[in-house]
PDB file of all heavy atoms in Angstrom:
ATOM      1  N   PRO A   1     137.427 249.806-122.652  1.00  0.00           N
ATOM      2  CA  PRO A   1     136.978 251.135-122.246  1.00  0.00           C
ATOM      3  C   PRO A   1     136.940 252.129-123.409  1.00  0.00           C
ATOM      4  O   PRO A   1     136.403 253.219-123.281  1.00  0.00           O
ATOM      5  CB  PRO A   1     138.013 251.560-121.199  1.00  0.00           C
ATOM      6  CG  PRO A   1     139.229 250.764-121.526  1.00  0.00           C
ATOM      7  CD  PRO A   1     138.730 249.480-122.117  1.00  0.00           C
ATOM      8  N   PHE A   2     137.501 251.748-124.550  1.00  0.00           N
ATOM      9  CA  PHE A   2     137.519 252.627-125.718  1.00  0.00           C
ATOM     10  C   PHE A   2     137.592 251.789-126.991  1.00  0.00           C
ATOM     11  O   PHE A   2     138.040 250.653-126.978  1.00  0.00           O
ATOM     12  CB  PHE A   2     138.708 253.601-125.652  1.00  0.00           C
ATOM     13  CG  PHE A   2     140.037 252.896-125.542  1.00  0.00           C
ATOM     14  CD1 PHE A   2     140.783 252.592-126.671  1.00  0.00           C
ATOM     15  CD2 PHE A   2     140.541 252.515-124.305  1.00  0.00           C
ATOM     16  CE1 PHE A   2     141.998 251.925-126.580  1.00  0.00           C
ATOM     17  CE2 PHE A   2     141.758 251.847-124.205  1.00  0.00           C
ATOM     18  CZ  PHE A   2     142.488 251.557-125.350  1.00  0.00           C
ATOM     19  N   ARG A   3     137.098 252.337-128.065  1.00  0.00           N
ATOM     20  CA  ARG A   3     137.180 251.758-129.413  1.00  0.00           C
ATOM     21  C   ARG A   3     136.608 250.344-129.540  1.00  0.00           C
ATOM     22  O   ARG A   3     137.133 249.512-130.281  1.00  0.00           O
ATOM     23  CB  ARG A   3     138.618 251.781-129.912  1.00  0.00           C
ATOM     24  CG  ARG A   3     139.170 253.188-130.028  1.00  0.00           C
ATOM     25  CD  ARG A   3     140.543 253.173-130.599  1.00  0.00           C
ATOM     26  NE  ARG A   3     141.006 254.524-130.826  1.00  0.00           N
ATOM     27  CZ  ARG A   3     142.235 254.831-131.130  1.00  0.00           C
ATOM     28  NH1 ARG A   3     143.136 253.893-131.269  1.00  0.00           N
ATOM     29  NH2 ARG A   3     142.583 256.078-131.328  1.00  0.00           N
ATOM     30  N   GLU A   4     135.518 250.098-128.849  1.00  0.00           N
ATOM     31  CA  GLU A   4     134.892 248.775-128.934  1.00  0.00           C
ATOM     32  C   GLU A   4     134.492 248.429-130.361  1.00  0.00           C
ATOM     33  O   GLU A   4     134.686 247.302-130.802  1.00  0.00           O
ATOM     34  CB  GLU A   4     133.665 248.702-128.022  1.00  0.00           C
ATOM     35  CG  GLU A   4     133.992 248.484-126.581  1.00  0.00           C
ATOM     36  CD  GLU A   4     132.760 248.297-125.720  1.00  0.00           C
ATOM     37  OE1 GLU A   4     131.664 248.781-126.102  1.00  0.00           O
ATOM     38  OE2 GLU A   4     132.889 247.673-124.663  1.00  0.00           O
ATOM     39  N   GLN A   5     133.913 249.380-131.084  1.00  0.00           N
ATOM     40  CA  GLN A   5     133.475 249.098-132.457  1.00  0.00           C
ATOM     41  C   GLN A   5     134.647 248.735-133.355  1.00  0.00           C
ATOM     42  O   GLN A   5     134.552 247.830-134.182  1.00  0.00           O
ATOM     43  CB  GLN A   5     132.701 250.279-133.032  1.00  0.00           C
ATOM     44  CG  GLN A   5     131.347 250.456-132.389  1.00  0.00           C
ATOM     45  CD  GLN A   5     130.584 251.635-132.966  1.00  0.00           C
ATOM     46  OE1 GLN A   5     131.146 252.525-133.572  1.00  0.00           O
ATOM     47  NE2 GLN A   5     129.272 251.619-132.771  1.00  0.00           N
ATOM     48  N   GLU A   6     135.765 249.426-133.202  1.00  0.00           N
ATOM     49  CA  GLU A   6     136.947 249.134-134.010  1.00  0.00           C
ATOM     50  C   GLU A   6     137.502 247.744-133.689  1.00  0.00           C
ATOM     51  O   GLU A   6     137.863 246.989-134.595  1.00  0.00           O
ATOM     52  CB  GLU A   6     138.017 250.202-133.760  1.00  0.00           C
ATOM     53  CG  GLU A   6     139.262 250.026-134.601  1.00  0.00           C
ATOM     54  CD  GLU A   6     140.300 251.099-134.325  1.00  0.00           C
ATOM     55  OE1 GLU A   6     139.995 252.115-133.666  1.00  0.00           O
ATOM     56  OE2 GLU A   6     141.438 250.902-134.778  1.00  0.00           O
ATOM     57  N   ILE A   7     137.550 247.404-132.425  1.00  0.00           N
ATOM     58  CA  ILE A   7     138.026 246.079-132.019  1.00  0.00           C
ATOM     59  C   ILE A   7     137.093 245.002-132.562  1.00  0.00           C
ATOM     60  O   ILE A   7     137.538 243.997-133.122  1.00  0.00           O
ATOM     61  CB  ILE A   7     138.145 245.992-130.482  1.00  0.00           C
ATOM     62  CG1 ILE A   7     139.224 246.964-129.993  1.00  0.00           C
ATOM     63  CG2 ILE A   7     138.458 244.564-130.042  1.00  0.00           C
ATOM     64  CD1 ILE A   7     139.210 247.189-128.491  1.00  0.00           C
ATOM     65  N   ALA A   8     135.779 245.216-132.417  1.00  0.00           N
ATOM     66  CA  ALA A   8     134.799 244.247-132.922  1.00  0.00           C
ATOM     67  C   ALA A   8     134.933 244.075-134.433  1.00  0.00           C
ATOM     68  O   ALA A   8     134.895 242.953-134.945  1.00  0.00           O
ATOM     69  CB  ALA A   8     133.384 244.686-132.549  1.00  0.00           C
ATOM     70  N   ALA A   9     135.097 245.166-135.160  1.00  0.00           N
ATOM     71  CA  ALA A   9     135.229 245.099-136.621  1.00  0.00           C
ATOM     72  C   ALA A   9     136.482 244.329-137.021  1.00  0.00           C
ATOM     73  O   ALA A   9     136.446 243.499-137.943  1.00  0.00           O
ATOM     74  CB  ALA A   9     135.243 246.503-137.223  1.00  0.00           C
ATOM     75  N   ASN A  10     137.587 244.569-136.330  1.00  0.00           N
ATOM     76  CA  ASN A  10     138.827 243.854-136.643  1.00  0.00           C
ATOM     77  C   ASN A  10     138.728 242.369-136.305  1.00  0.00           C
ATOM     78  O   ASN A  10     139.188 241.519-137.067  1.00  0.00           O
ATOM     79  CB  ASN A  10     140.009 244.490-135.910  1.00  0.00           C
ATOM     80  CG  ASN A  10     140.491 245.740-136.576  1.00  0.00           C
ATOM     81  OD1 ASN A  10     140.993 245.703-137.693  1.00  0.00           O
ATOM     82  ND2 ASN A  10     140.327 246.865-135.916  1.00  0.00           N
ATOM     83  N   LEU A  11     138.113 242.064-135.178  1.00  0.00           N
ATOM     84  CA  LEU A  11     137.945 240.664-134.786  1.00  0.00           C
ATOM     85  C   LEU A  11     137.016 239.949-135.762  1.00  0.00           C
ATOM     86  O   LEU A  11     137.296 238.836-136.205  1.00  0.00           O
ATOM     87  CB  LEU A  11     137.417 240.588-133.353  1.00  0.00           C
ATOM     88  CG  LEU A  11     137.334 239.208-132.711  1.00  0.00           C
ATOM     89  CD1 LEU A  11     138.677 238.489-132.727  1.00  0.00           C
ATOM     90  CD2 LEU A  11     136.827 239.338-131.267  1.00  0.00           C
ATOM     91  N   PHE A  12     135.917 240.610-136.143  1.00  0.00           N
ATOM     92  CA  PHE A  12     134.991 240.002-137.090  1.00  0.00           C
ATOM     93  C   PHE A  12     135.668 239.790-138.451  1.00  0.00           C
ATOM     94  O   PHE A  12     135.486 238.745-139.078  1.00  0.00           O
ATOM     95  CB  PHE A  12     133.727 240.849-137.256  1.00  0.00           C
ATOM     96  CG  PHE A  12     132.693 240.194-138.125  1.00  0.00           C
ATOM     97  CD1 PHE A  12     131.867 239.209-137.613  1.00  0.00           C
ATOM     98  CD2 PHE A  12     132.565 240.540-139.461  1.00  0.00           C
ATOM     99  CE1 PHE A  12     130.924 238.574-138.420  1.00  0.00           C
ATOM    100  CE2 PHE A  12     131.629 239.914-140.272  1.00  0.00           C
ATOM    101  CZ  PHE A  12     130.799 238.929-139.752  1.00  0.00           C
ATOM    102  N   SER A  13     136.439 240.749-138.908  1.00  0.00           N
ATOM    103  CA  SER A  13     137.156 240.597-140.185  1.00  0.00           C
ATOM    104  C   SER A  13     138.095 239.406-140.145  1.00  0.00           C
ATOM    105  O   SER A  13     138.200 238.650-141.114  1.00  0.00           O
ATOM    106  CB  SER A  13     137.948 241.862-140.520  1.00  0.00           C
ATOM    107  OG  SER A  13     137.088 242.913-140.832  1.00  0.00           O
ATOM    108  N   ASN A  14     138.777 239.225-139.025  1.00  0.00           N
ATOM    109  CA  ASN A  14     139.680 238.091-138.881  1.00  0.00           C
ATOM    110  C   ASN A  14     138.919 236.767-138.939  1.00  0.00           C
ATOM    111  O   ASN A  14     139.327 235.825-139.616  1.00  0.00           O
ATOM    112  CB  ASN A  14     140.446 238.211-137.556  1.00  0.00           C
ATOM    113  CG  ASN A  14     141.397 237.064-137.324  1.00  0.00           C
ATOM    114  OD1 ASN A  14     140.986 236.008-136.836  1.00  0.00           O
ATOM    115  ND2 ASN A  14     142.651 237.281-137.667  1.00  0.00           N
ATOM    116  N   VAL A  15     137.795 236.708-138.230  1.00  0.00           N
ATOM    117  CA  VAL A  15     136.982 235.498-138.213  1.00  0.00           C
ATOM    118  C   VAL A  15     136.425 235.214-139.612  1.00  0.00           C
ATOM    119  O   VAL A  15     136.444 234.072-140.082  1.00  0.00           O
ATOM    120  CB  VAL A  15     135.849 235.632-137.165  1.00  0.00           C
ATOM    121  CG1 VAL A  15     134.807 234.559-137.318  1.00  0.00           C
ATOM    122  CG2 VAL A  15     136.436 235.624-135.766  1.00  0.00           C
ATOM    123  N   LYS A  16     135.956 236.244-140.290  1.00  0.00           N
ATOM    124  CA  LYS A  16     135.407 236.067-141.640  1.00  0.00           C
ATOM    125  C   LYS A  16     136.481 235.555-142.600  1.00  0.00           C
ATOM    126  O   LYS A  16     136.229 234.663-143.411  1.00  0.00           O
ATOM    127  CB  LYS A  16     134.823 237.382-142.146  1.00  0.00           C
ATOM    128  CG  LYS A  16     134.136 237.253-143.485  1.00  0.00           C
ATOM    129  CD  LYS A  16     133.480 238.564-143.890  1.00  0.00           C
ATOM    130  CE  LYS A  16     132.814 238.425-145.260  1.00  0.00           C
ATOM    131  NZ  LYS A  16     132.210 239.692-145.687  1.00  0.00           N
ATOM    132  N   LYS A  17     137.689 236.075-142.484  1.00  0.00           N
ATOM    133  CA  LYS A  17     138.791 235.611-143.338  1.00  0.00           C
ATOM    134  C   LYS A  17     139.084 234.134-143.076  1.00  0.00           C
ATOM    135  O   LYS A  17     139.293 233.357-144.003  1.00  0.00           O
ATOM    136  CB  LYS A  17     140.049 236.447-143.107  1.00  0.00           C
ATOM    137  CG  LYS A  17     141.205 236.044-144.011  1.00  0.00           C
ATOM    138  CD  LYS A  17     142.442 236.857-143.730  1.00  0.00           C
ATOM    139  CE  LYS A  17     143.622 236.512-144.595  1.00  0.00           C
ATOM    140  NZ  LYS A  17     143.809 235.137-144.989  1.00  0.00           N
ATOM    141  N   LYS A  18     139.085 233.738-141.808  1.00  0.00           N
ATOM    142  CA  LYS A  18     139.306 232.330-141.470  1.00  0.00           C
ATOM    143  C   LYS A  18     138.207 231.452-142.075  1.00  0.00           C
ATOM    144  O   LYS A  18     138.484 230.367-142.571  1.00  0.00           O
ATOM    145  CB  LYS A  18     139.357 232.135-139.951  1.00  0.00           C
ATOM    146  CG  LYS A  18     140.613 232.677-139.307  1.00  0.00           C
ATOM    147  CD  LYS A  18     140.593 232.412-137.806  1.00  0.00           C
ATOM    148  CE  LYS A  18     141.783 232.997-137.097  1.00  0.00           C
ATOM    149  NZ  LYS A  18     143.070 232.590-137.578  1.00  0.00           N
ATOM    150  N   ALA A  19     136.968 231.925-142.038  1.00  0.00           N
ATOM    151  CA  ALA A  19     135.849 231.166-142.602  1.00  0.00           C
ATOM    152  C   ALA A  19     136.001 231.016-144.115  1.00  0.00           C
ATOM    153  O   ALA A  19     135.773 229.934-144.664  1.00  0.00           O
ATOM    154  CB  ALA A  19     134.530 231.853-142.261  1.00  0.00           C
ATOM    155  N   ILE A  20     136.387 232.089-144.781  1.00  0.00           N
ATOM    156  CA  ILE A  20     136.589 232.042-146.240  1.00  0.00           C
ATOM    157  C   ILE A  20     137.754 231.118-146.575  1.00  0.00           C
ATOM    158  O   ILE A  20     137.658 230.279-147.482  1.00  0.00           O
ATOM    159  CB  ILE A  20     136.786 233.466-146.799  1.00  0.00           C
ATOM    160  CG1 ILE A  20     135.473 234.249-146.706  1.00  0.00           C
ATOM    161  CG2 ILE A  20     137.305 233.423-148.244  1.00  0.00           C
ATOM    162  CD1 ILE A  20     135.606 235.738-146.975  1.00  0.00           C
ATOM    163  N   ASP A  21     138.856 231.249-145.828  1.00  0.00           N
ATOM    164  CA  ASP A  21     140.026 230.398-146.063  1.00  0.00           C
ATOM    165  C   ASP A  21     139.711 228.917-145.852  1.00  0.00           C
ATOM    166  O   ASP A  21     140.337 228.048-146.459  1.00  0.00           O
ATOM    167  CB  ASP A  21     141.192 230.808-145.157  1.00  0.00           C
ATOM    168  CG  ASP A  21     141.799 232.146-145.540  1.00  0.00           C
ATOM    169  OD1 ASP A  21     141.489 232.676-146.642  1.00  0.00           O
ATOM    170  OD2 ASP A  21     142.592 232.688-144.732  1.00  0.00           O
ATOM    171  N   ALA A  22     138.738 228.632-144.987  1.00  0.00           N
ATOM    172  CA  ALA A  22     138.346 227.247-144.703  1.00  0.00           C
ATOM    173  C   ALA A  22     137.264 226.749-145.667  1.00  0.00           C
ATOM    174  O   ALA A  22     136.712 225.668-145.473  1.00  0.00           O
ATOM    175  CB  ALA A  22     137.863 227.132-143.262  1.00  0.00           C
ATOM    176  N   ASN A  23     136.953 227.560-146.679  1.00  0.00           N
ATOM    177  CA  ASN A  23     135.946 227.194-147.690  1.00  0.00           C
ATOM    178  C   ASN A  23     134.575 226.908-147.095  1.00  0.00           C
ATOM    179  O   ASN A  23     133.887 225.973-147.512  1.00  0.00           O
ATOM    180  CB  ASN A  23     136.416 225.997-148.526  1.00  0.00           C
ATOM    181  CG  ASN A  23     137.632 226.326-149.343  1.00  0.00           C
ATOM    182  OD1 ASN A  23     137.695 227.382-149.979  1.00  0.00           O
ATOM    183  ND2 ASN A  23     138.627 225.451-149.311  1.00  0.00           N
ATOM    184  N   CYS A  24     134.182 227.726-146.120  1.00  0.00           N
ATOM    185  CA  CYS A  24     132.858 227.563-145.520  1.00  0.00           C
ATOM    186  C   CYS A  24     131.809 228.270-146.378  1.00  0.00           C
ATOM    187  O   CYS A  24     132.102 229.256-147.049  1.00  0.00           O
ATOM    188  CB  CYS A  24     132.857 228.146-144.106  1.00  0.00           C
ATOM    189  SG  CYS A  24     133.865 227.181-142.960  1.00  0.00           S
ATOM    190  N   ASN A  25     130.589 227.751-146.349  1.00  0.00           N
ATOM    191  CA  ASN A  25     129.467 228.350-147.071  1.00  0.00           C
ATOM    192  C   ASN A  25     128.868 229.525-146.316  1.00  0.00           C
ATOM    193  O   ASN A  25     128.376 230.475-146.921  1.00  0.00           O
ATOM    194  CB  ASN A  25     128.365 227.306-147.308  1.00  0.00           C
ATOM    195  CG  ASN A  25     128.859 226.119-148.094  1.00  0.00           C
ATOM    196  OD1 ASN A  25     129.686 226.249-148.970  1.00  0.00           O
ATOM    197  ND2 ASN A  25     128.355 224.940-147.751  1.00  0.00           N
ATOM    198  N   TYR A  26     128.879 229.422-144.982  1.00  0.00           N
ATOM    199  CA  TYR A  26     128.271 230.437-144.125  1.00  0.00           C
ATOM    200  C   TYR A  26     129.148 230.681-142.913  1.00  0.00           C
ATOM    201  O   TYR A  26     129.910 229.815-142.485  1.00  0.00           O
ATOM    202  CB  TYR A  26     126.894 229.988-143.602  1.00  0.00           C
ATOM    203  CG  TYR A  26     125.808 229.974-144.625  1.00  0.00           C
ATOM    204  CD1 TYR A  26     125.556 228.836-145.385  1.00  0.00           C
ATOM    205  CD2 TYR A  26     125.002 231.098-144.836  1.00  0.00           C
ATOM    206  CE1 TYR A  26     124.550 228.819-146.333  1.00  0.00           C
ATOM    207  CE2 TYR A  26     123.991 231.078-145.778  1.00  0.00           C
ATOM    208  CZ  TYR A  26     123.773 229.939-146.520  1.00  0.00           C
ATOM    209  OH  TYR A  26     122.770 229.928-147.448  1.00  0.00           O
ATOM    210  N   LEU A  27     128.955 231.855-142.342  1.00  0.00           N
ATOM    211  CA  LEU A  27     129.510 232.234-141.056  1.00  0.00           C
ATOM    212  C   LEU A  27     128.311 232.557-140.179  1.00  0.00           C
ATOM    213  O   LEU A  27     127.450 233.345-140.572  1.00  0.00           O
ATOM    214  CB  LEU A  27     130.408 233.470-141.202  1.00  0.00           C
ATOM    215  CG  LEU A  27     130.818 234.208-139.934  1.00  0.00           C
ATOM    216  CD1 LEU A  27     131.730 233.352-139.067  1.00  0.00           C
ATOM    217  CD2 LEU A  27     131.516 235.509-140.293  1.00  0.00           C
ATOM    218  N   ARG A  28     128.230 231.913-139.008  1.00  0.00           N
ATOM    219  CA  ARG A  28     127.133 232.225-138.081  1.00  0.00           C
ATOM    220  C   ARG A  28     127.726 232.750-136.781  1.00  0.00           C
ATOM    221  O   ARG A  28     128.653 232.166-136.234  1.00  0.00           O
ATOM    222  CB  ARG A  28     126.294 230.990-137.767  1.00  0.00           C
ATOM    223  CG  ARG A  28     125.228 231.305-136.707  1.00  0.00           C
ATOM    224  CD  ARG A  28     124.270 230.180-136.424  1.00  0.00           C
ATOM    225  NE  ARG A  28     124.941 228.975-135.985  1.00  0.00           N
ATOM    226  CZ  ARG A  28     124.346 227.786-135.908  1.00  0.00           C
ATOM    227  NH1 ARG A  28     123.079 227.645-136.245  1.00  0.00           N
ATOM    228  NH2 ARG A  28     125.013 226.729-135.504  1.00  0.00           N
ATOM    229  N   VAL A  29     127.163 233.850-136.296  1.00  0.00           N
ATOM    230  CA  VAL A  29     127.517 234.388-134.990  1.00  0.00           C
ATOM    231  C   VAL A  29     126.285 234.222-134.108  1.00  0.00           C
ATOM    232  O   VAL A  29     125.230 234.779-134.401  1.00  0.00           O
ATOM    233  CB  VAL A  29     127.937 235.877-135.068  1.00  0.00           C
ATOM    234  CG1 VAL A  29     128.291 236.391-133.683  1.00  0.00           C
ATOM    235  CG2 VAL A  29     129.104 236.052-136.036  1.00  0.00           C
ATOM    236  N   TRP A  30     126.437 233.425-133.063  1.00  0.00           N
ATOM    237  CA  TRP A  30     125.325 233.175-132.164  1.00  0.00           C
ATOM    238  C   TRP A  30     124.927 234.452-131.440  1.00  0.00           C
ATOM    239  O   TRP A  30     125.765 235.318-131.163  1.00  0.00           O
ATOM    240  CB  TRP A  30     125.701 232.156-131.095  1.00  0.00           C
ATOM    241  CG  TRP A  30     125.940 230.759-131.559  1.00  0.00           C
ATOM    242  CD1 TRP A  30     126.224 230.333-132.830  1.00  0.00           C
ATOM    243  CD2 TRP A  30     125.977 229.602-130.742  1.00  0.00           C
ATOM    244  NE1 TRP A  30     126.416 228.988-132.843  1.00  0.00           N
ATOM    245  CE2 TRP A  30     126.271 228.505-131.580  1.00  0.00           C
ATOM    246  CE3 TRP A  30     125.784 229.383-129.383  1.00  0.00           C
ATOM    247  CZ2 TRP A  30     126.379 227.202-131.090  1.00  0.00           C
ATOM    248  CZ3 TRP A  30     125.896 228.099-128.904  1.00  0.00           C
ATOM    249  CH2 TRP A  30     126.180 227.019-129.752  1.00  0.00           C
ATOM    250  N   THR A  31     123.663 234.547-131.094  1.00  0.00           N
ATOM    251  CA  THR A  31     123.199 235.595-130.202  1.00  0.00           C
ATOM    252  C   THR A  31     123.801 235.275-128.833  1.00  0.00           C
ATOM    253  O   THR A  31     123.686 234.146-128.351  1.00  0.00           O
ATOM    254  CB  THR A  31     121.665 235.592-130.125  1.00  0.00           C
ATOM    255  OG1 THR A  31     121.147 235.736-131.447  1.00  0.00           O
ATOM    256  CG2 THR A  31     121.162 236.702-129.230  1.00  0.00           C
ATOM    257  N   LEU A  32     124.462 236.234-128.237  1.00  0.00           N
ATOM    258  CA  LEU A  32     125.161 235.981-126.979  1.00  0.00           C
ATOM    259  C   LEU A  32     124.183 235.913-125.816  1.00  0.00           C
ATOM    260  O   LEU A  32     123.394 236.833-125.593  1.00  0.00           O
ATOM    261  CB  LEU A  32     126.200 237.076-126.723  1.00  0.00           C
ATOM    262  CG  LEU A  32     127.115 236.836-125.520  1.00  0.00           C
ATOM    263  CD1 LEU A  32     127.917 235.549-125.696  1.00  0.00           C
ATOM    264  CD2 LEU A  32     128.054 238.007-125.340  1.00  0.00           C
ATOM    265  N   ARG A  33     124.229 234.789-125.131  1.00  0.00           N
ATOM    266  CA  ARG A  33     123.412 234.569-123.938  1.00  0.00           C
ATOM    267  C   ARG A  33     124.283 233.858-122.909  1.00  0.00           C
ATOM    268  O   ARG A  33     125.194 233.117-123.291  1.00  0.00           O
ATOM    269  CB  ARG A  33     122.195 233.699-124.262  1.00  0.00           C
ATOM    270  CG  ARG A  33     121.299 234.302-125.315  1.00  0.00           C
ATOM    271  CD  ARG A  33     120.185 233.364-125.702  1.00  0.00           C
ATOM    272  NE  ARG A  33     120.732 232.024-125.942  1.00  0.00           N
ATOM    273  CZ  ARG A  33     119.990 230.933-126.043  1.00  0.00           C
ATOM    274  NH1 ARG A  33     118.701 231.005-125.938  1.00  0.00           N
ATOM    275  NH2 ARG A  33     120.546 229.768-126.260  1.00  0.00           N
ATOM    276  N   PRO A  34     124.012 234.035-121.627  1.00  0.00           N
ATOM    277  CA  PRO A  34     124.836 233.372-120.604  1.00  0.00           C
ATOM    278  C   PRO A  34     124.896 231.853-120.762  1.00  0.00           C
ATOM    279  O   PRO A  34     125.889 231.229-120.437  1.00  0.00           O
ATOM    280  CB  PRO A  34     124.159 233.762-119.285  1.00  0.00           C
ATOM    281  CG  PRO A  34     123.492 235.055-119.584  1.00  0.00           C
ATOM    282  CD  PRO A  34     123.040 234.946-121.035  1.00  0.00           C
ATOM    283  N   GLN A  35     123.859 231.229-121.310  1.00  0.00           N
ATOM    284  CA  GLN A  35     123.848 229.774-121.428  1.00  0.00           C
ATOM    285  C   GLN A  35     124.652 229.243-122.622  1.00  0.00           C
ATOM    286  O   GLN A  35     124.804 228.036-122.780  1.00  0.00           O
ATOM    287  CB  GLN A  35     122.433 229.203-121.417  1.00  0.00           C
ATOM    288  CG  GLN A  35     121.445 229.785-122.362  1.00  0.00           C
ATOM    289  CD  GLN A  35     120.728 231.018-121.860  1.00  0.00           C
ATOM    290  OE1 GLN A  35     121.349 231.993-121.480  1.00  0.00           O
ATOM    291  NE2 GLN A  35     119.418 231.020-121.896  1.00  0.00           N
ATOM    292  N   ASN A  36     125.192 230.108-123.461  1.00  0.00           N
ATOM    293  CA  ASN A  36     125.965 229.647-124.618  1.00  0.00           C
ATOM    294  C   ASN A  36     127.101 228.711-124.221  1.00  0.00           C
ATOM    295  O   ASN A  36     127.402 227.761-124.929  1.00  0.00           O
ATOM    296  CB  ASN A  36     126.533 230.822-125.418  1.00  0.00           C
ATOM    297  CG  ASN A  36     125.493 231.455-126.312  1.00  0.00           C
ATOM    298  OD1 ASN A  36     124.302 231.173-126.202  1.00  0.00           O
ATOM    299  ND2 ASN A  36     125.931 232.335-127.181  1.00  0.00           N
ATOM    300  N   TRP A  37     127.756 228.996-123.108  1.00  0.00           N
ATOM    301  CA  TRP A  37     128.867 228.159-122.667  1.00  0.00           C
ATOM    302  C   TRP A  37     128.410 226.706-122.523  1.00  0.00           C
ATOM    303  O   TRP A  37     129.105 225.785-122.926  1.00  0.00           O
ATOM    304  CB  TRP A  37     129.412 228.686-121.333  1.00  0.00           C
ATOM    305  CG  TRP A  37     130.580 227.917-120.834  1.00  0.00           C
ATOM    306  CD1 TRP A  37     130.588 226.965-119.865  1.00  0.00           C
ATOM    307  CD2 TRP A  37     131.931 228.017-121.291  1.00  0.00           C
ATOM    308  NE1 TRP A  37     131.854 226.475-119.681  1.00  0.00           N
ATOM    309  CE2 TRP A  37     132.696 227.108-120.542  1.00  0.00           C
ATOM    310  CE3 TRP A  37     132.573 228.797-122.259  1.00  0.00           C
ATOM    311  CZ2 TRP A  37     134.062 226.949-120.725  1.00  0.00           C
ATOM    312  CZ3 TRP A  37     133.934 228.640-122.431  1.00  0.00           C
ATOM    313  CH2 TRP A  37     134.669 227.733-121.677  1.00  0.00           C
ATOM    314  N   ASN A  38     127.217 226.500-121.977  1.00  0.00           N
ATOM    315  CA  ASN A  38     126.693 225.152-121.772  1.00  0.00           C
ATOM    316  C   ASN A  38     126.196 224.503-123.066  1.00  0.00           C
ATOM    317  O   ASN A  38     125.982 223.300-123.107  1.00  0.00           O
ATOM    318  CB  ASN A  38     125.571 225.172-120.736  1.00  0.00           C
ATOM    319  CG  ASN A  38     126.069 225.623-119.388  1.00  0.00           C
ATOM    320  OD1 ASN A  38     127.185 225.311-118.983  1.00  0.00           O
ATOM    321  ND2 ASN A  38     125.263 226.388-118.683  1.00  0.00           N
ATOM    322  N   LEU A  39     125.998 225.300-124.116  1.00  0.00           N
ATOM    323  CA  LEU A  39     125.489 224.778-125.384  1.00  0.00           C
ATOM    324  C   LEU A  39     126.593 224.460-126.397  1.00  0.00           C
ATOM    325  O   LEU A  39     126.309 223.963-127.478  1.00  0.00           O
ATOM    326  CB  LEU A  39     124.504 225.776-126.004  1.00  0.00           C
ATOM    327  CG  LEU A  39     123.214 225.996-125.220  1.00  0.00           C
ATOM    328  CD1 LEU A  39     122.439 227.182-125.787  1.00  0.00           C
ATOM    329  CD2 LEU A  39     122.362 224.734-125.238  1.00  0.00           C
ATOM    330  N   LEU A  40     127.843 224.749-126.052  1.00  0.00           N
ATOM    331  CA  LEU A  40     128.938 224.524-127.001  1.00  0.00           C
ATOM    332  C   LEU A  40     128.989 223.086-127.512  1.00  0.00           C
ATOM    333  O   LEU A  40     129.299 222.856-128.673  1.00  0.00           O
ATOM    334  CB  LEU A  40     130.296 224.878-126.369  1.00  0.00           C
ATOM    335  CG  LEU A  40     130.586 226.356-126.172  1.00  0.00           C
ATOM    336  CD1 LEU A  40     131.927 226.535-125.475  1.00  0.00           C
ATOM    337  CD2 LEU A  40     130.572 227.102-127.488  1.00  0.00           C
ATOM    338  N   ASP A  41     128.698 222.130-126.656  1.00  0.00           N
ATOM    339  CA  ASP A  41     128.764 220.725-127.060  1.00  0.00           C
ATOM    340  C   ASP A  41     127.405 220.110-127.365  1.00  0.00           C
ATOM    341  O   ASP A  41     127.305 218.908-127.545  1.00  0.00           O
ATOM    342  CB  ASP A  41     129.480 219.910-125.970  1.00  0.00           C
ATOM    343  CG  ASP A  41     130.942 220.278-125.882  1.00  0.00           C
ATOM    344  OD1 ASP A  41     131.553 220.557-126.923  1.00  0.00           O
ATOM    345  OD2 ASP A  41     131.481 220.304-124.757  1.00  0.00           O
ATOM    346  N   ASP A  42     126.362 220.935-127.451  1.00  0.00           N
ATOM    347  CA  ASP A  42     125.025 220.448-127.756  1.00  0.00           C
ATOM    348  C   ASP A  42     124.825 220.438-129.276  1.00  0.00           C
ATOM    349  O   ASP A  42     124.488 221.445-129.886  1.00  0.00           O
ATOM    350  CB  ASP A  42     123.987 221.347-127.080  1.00  0.00           C
ATOM    351  CG  ASP A  42     122.561 220.858-127.248  1.00  0.00           C
ATOM    352  OD1 ASP A  42     122.277 220.119-128.221  1.00  0.00           O
ATOM    353  OD2 ASP A  42     121.717 221.233-126.422  1.00  0.00           O
ATOM    354  N   GLN A  43     125.068 219.280-129.884  1.00  0.00           N
ATOM    355  CA  GLN A  43     125.009 219.182-131.345  1.00  0.00           C
ATOM    356  C   GLN A  43     123.623 219.510-131.886  1.00  0.00           C
ATOM    357  O   GLN A  43     123.494 220.151-132.930  1.00  0.00           O
ATOM    358  CB  GLN A  43     125.437 217.800-131.812  1.00  0.00           C
ATOM    359  CG  GLN A  43     125.538 217.703-133.321  1.00  0.00           C
ATOM    360  CD  GLN A  43     126.112 216.379-133.775  1.00  0.00           C
ATOM    361  OE1 GLN A  43     126.060 215.387-133.059  1.00  0.00           O
ATOM    362  NE2 GLN A  43     126.666 216.362-134.966  1.00  0.00           N
ATOM    363  N   GLU A  44     122.588 219.112-131.178  1.00  0.00           N
ATOM    364  CA  GLU A  44     121.226 219.415-131.629  1.00  0.00           C
ATOM    365  C   GLU A  44     121.016 220.929-131.728  1.00  0.00           C
ATOM    366  O   GLU A  44     120.470 221.432-132.705  1.00  0.00           O
ATOM    367  CB  GLU A  44     120.199 218.794-130.677  1.00  0.00           C
ATOM    368  CG  GLU A  44     118.761 219.008-131.122  1.00  0.00           C
ATOM    369  CD  GLU A  44     117.773 218.343-130.166  1.00  0.00           C
ATOM    370  OE1 GLU A  44     118.043 217.217-129.717  1.00  0.00           O
ATOM    371  OE2 GLU A  44     116.730 218.969-129.894  1.00  0.00           O
ATOM    372  N   TYR A  45     121.494 221.655-130.729  1.00  0.00           N
ATOM    373  CA  TYR A  45     121.359 223.115-130.760  1.00  0.00           C
ATOM    374  C   TYR A  45     122.222 223.724-131.872  1.00  0.00           C
ATOM    375  O   TYR A  45     121.790 224.609-132.594  1.00  0.00           O
ATOM    376  CB  TYR A  45     121.733 223.723-129.401  1.00  0.00           C
ATOM    377  CG  TYR A  45     121.483 225.210-129.340  1.00  0.00           C
ATOM    378  CD1 TYR A  45     120.194 225.696-129.166  1.00  0.00           C
ATOM    379  CD2 TYR A  45     122.520 226.121-129.486  1.00  0.00           C
ATOM    380  CE1 TYR A  45     119.941 227.065-129.127  1.00  0.00           C
ATOM    381  CE2 TYR A  45     122.279 227.487-129.448  1.00  0.00           C
ATOM    382  CZ  TYR A  45     120.994 227.948-129.268  1.00  0.00           C
ATOM    383  OH  TYR A  45     120.750 229.303-129.251  1.00  0.00           O
TER     384      TYR A  45
END
């Protein structure tokens, strides 16, 4: 109900740090759609 941008920024910073610590080349954030849950195990996608 409040401070969504601040929460999003902190969560994204945490995720980015994890990606860097894991020596990843890229970080991808999927476009959020209701069907994402069903695509989690779809390797082709």
